[in-house]
Amino acid sequence: MDNYKITNLSTNDIYYLNEQEKRNFFKLNDFFINGVYLYSIINLSELKRNRKEKIVDFLLWSALFCAFTLMALIYIQFNY
């Protein structure tokens, strides 16, 4: 279940809702009127998932760099 941060752009009110609450919220409130958006929606679950993926990606690249550096040092030590 995803969590959302919904901001009213005219009054700057902030709502933290899950998917079902978001659906019910927009049944009662219009998302835009005359082409002007009234709310800003941010998917907090997706942001958290992206942050975790970036950390894992950084760790993997760091481990790969360390492995190649270690291989080069071992090669230099035994061949020179």
C-alpha atoms as a PDB file:
ATOM      1  CA  MET A   1       0.000   0.000   0.000  1.00  0.00           C
ATOM      2  CA  ASP A   2       1.521   3.307  -1.092  1.00  0.00           C
ATOM      3  CA  ASN A   3       1.581   6.456   1.007  1.00  0.00           C
ATOM      4  CA  TYR A   4       1.108   9.904  -0.482  1.00  0.00           C
ATOM      5  CA  LYS A   5       1.838  13.479   0.525  1.00  0.00           C
ATOM      6  CA  ILE A   6      -0.847  15.733  -0.921  1.00  0.00           C
ATOM      7  CA  THR A   7      -0.402  19.502  -0.752  1.00  0.00           C
ATOM      8  CA  ASN A   8      -3.164  21.989  -1.431  1.00  0.00           C
ATOM      9  CA  LEU A   9      -1.459  24.557  -3.661  1.00  0.00           C
ATOM     10  CA  SER A  10      -3.759  27.446  -2.742  1.00  0.00           C
ATOM     11  CA  THR A  11      -3.743  27.052   1.067  1.00  0.00           C
ATOM     12  CA  ASN A  12      -0.511  25.020   1.516  1.00  0.00           C
ATOM     13  CA  ASP A  13      -2.317  22.430   3.651  1.00  0.00           C
ATOM     14  CA  ILE A  14      -0.519  19.085   3.739  1.00  0.00           C
ATOM     15  CA  TYR A  15      -2.269  15.698   3.945  1.00  0.00           C
ATOM     16  CA  TYR A  16      -0.576  12.326   4.423  1.00  0.00           C
ATOM     17  CA  LEU A  17      -2.829   9.627   2.986  1.00  0.00           C
ATOM     18  CA  ASN A  18      -2.663   6.011   1.848  1.00  0.00           C
ATOM     19  CA  GLU A  19      -4.144   4.784  -1.455  1.00  0.00           C
ATOM     20  CA  GLN A  20      -7.700   4.228  -0.232  1.00  0.00           C
ATOM     21  CA  GLU A  21      -7.818   7.543   1.632  1.00  0.00           C
ATOM     22  CA  LYS A  22      -6.434   9.282  -1.472  1.00  0.00           C
ATOM     23  CA  ARG A  23      -9.189   7.792  -3.649  1.00  0.00           C
ATOM     24  CA  ASN A  24     -11.866   8.913  -1.172  1.00  0.00           C
ATOM     25  CA  PHE A  25     -10.244  12.349  -0.838  1.00  0.00           C
ATOM     26  CA  PHE A  26     -10.398  12.989  -4.582  1.00  0.00           C
ATOM     27  CA  LYS A  27     -13.974  11.731  -4.794  1.00  0.00           C
ATOM     28  CA  LEU A  28     -14.897  14.637  -2.536  1.00  0.00           C
ATOM     29  CA  ASN A  29     -12.395  17.217  -3.860  1.00  0.00           C
ATOM     30  CA  ASP A  30     -11.601  18.197  -7.441  1.00  0.00           C
ATOM     31  CA  PHE A  31      -7.991  17.647  -8.552  1.00  0.00           C
ATOM     32  CA  PHE A  32      -8.068  20.563 -10.975  1.00  0.00           C
ATOM     33  CA  ILE A  33     -10.526  23.243 -12.061  1.00  0.00           C
ATOM     34  CA  ASN A  34     -10.363  24.939 -15.482  1.00  0.00           C
ATOM     35  CA  GLY A  35      -6.954  23.385 -16.189  1.00  0.00           C
ATOM     36  CA  VAL A  36      -5.403  24.691 -12.950  1.00  0.00           C
ATOM     37  CA  TYR A  37      -4.096  22.032 -10.579  1.00  0.00           C
ATOM     38  CA  LEU A  38      -5.244  22.465  -6.993  1.00  0.00           C
ATOM     39  CA  TYR A  39      -3.095  19.742  -5.409  1.00  0.00           C
ATOM     40  CA  SER A  40       0.468  18.473  -5.606  1.00  0.00           C
ATOM     41  CA  ILE A  41       0.839  14.694  -5.110  1.00  0.00           C
ATOM     42  CA  ILE A  42       4.089  13.014  -4.047  1.00  0.00           C
ATOM     43  CA  ASN A  43       4.314   9.228  -3.723  1.00  0.00           C
ATOM     44  CA  LEU A  44       6.314   8.746  -0.501  1.00  0.00           C
ATOM     45  CA  SER A  45       6.633   4.976  -0.946  1.00  0.00           C
ATOM     46  CA  GLU A  46       8.299   5.451  -4.329  1.00  0.00           C
ATOM     47  CA  LEU A  47      10.704   8.038  -2.903  1.00  0.00           C
ATOM     48  CA  LYS A  48      11.677   5.646  -0.109  1.00  0.00           C
ATOM     49  CA  ARG A  49      12.167   2.804  -2.603  1.00  0.00           C
ATOM     50  CA  ASN A  50      14.346   5.013  -4.841  1.00  0.00           C
ATOM     51  CA  ARG A  51      16.466   6.075  -1.868  1.00  0.00           C
ATOM     52  CA  LYS A  52      17.090   2.424  -0.907  1.00  0.00           C
ATOM     53  CA  GLU A  53      17.958   1.541  -4.515  1.00  0.00           C
ATOM     54  CA  LYS A  54      20.497   4.394  -4.658  1.00  0.00           C
ATOM     55  CA  ILE A  55      22.158   3.185  -1.444  1.00  0.00           C
ATOM     56  CA  VAL A  56      22.369  -0.405  -2.712  1.00  0.00           C
ATOM     57  CA  ASP A  57      23.682   0.813  -6.065  1.00  0.00           C
ATOM     58  CA  PHE A  58      26.380   2.883  -4.345  1.00  0.00           C
ATOM     59  CA  LEU A  59      27.409  -0.082  -2.180  1.00  0.00           C
ATOM     60  CA  LEU A  60      27.655  -2.392  -5.189  1.00  0.00           C
ATOM     61  CA  TRP A  61      29.786   0.034  -7.211  1.00  0.00           C
ATOM     62  CA  SER A  62      32.004   0.664  -4.178  1.00  0.00           C
ATOM     63  CA  ALA A  63      32.507  -3.063  -3.653  1.00  0.00           C
ATOM     64  CA  LEU A  64      33.338  -3.505  -7.340  1.00  0.00           C
ATOM     65  CA  PHE A  65      35.861  -0.661  -7.219  1.00  0.00           C
ATOM     66  CA  CYS A  66      37.465  -2.114  -4.084  1.00  0.00           C
ATOM     67  CA  ALA A  67      37.658  -5.568  -5.672  1.00  0.00           C
ATOM     68  CA  PHE A  68      39.425  -4.253  -8.785  1.00  0.00           C
ATOM     69  CA  THR A  69      41.798  -2.152  -6.682  1.00  0.00           C
ATOM     70  CA  LEU A  70      42.631  -5.173  -4.534  1.00  0.00           C
ATOM     71  CA  MET A  71      43.188  -7.315  -7.633  1.00  0.00           C
ATOM     72  CA  ALA A  72      45.562  -4.697  -9.050  1.00  0.00           C
ATOM     73  CA  LEU A  73      47.514  -4.491  -5.792  1.00  0.00           C
ATOM     74  CA  ILE A  74      47.829  -8.279  -5.575  1.00  0.00           C
ATOM     75  CA  TYR A  75      48.931  -8.451  -9.213  1.00  0.00           C
ATOM     76  CA  ILE A  76      51.575  -5.762  -8.652  1.00  0.00           C
ATOM     77  CA  GLN A  77      52.816  -7.428  -5.471  1.00  0.00           C
ATOM     78  CA  PHE A  78      53.321 -10.868  -7.018  1.00  0.00           C
ATOM     79  CA  ASN A  79      54.574  -9.853 -10.464  1.00  0.00           C
ATOM     80  CA  TYR A  80      57.040  -7.066  -9.694  1.00  0.00           C
END
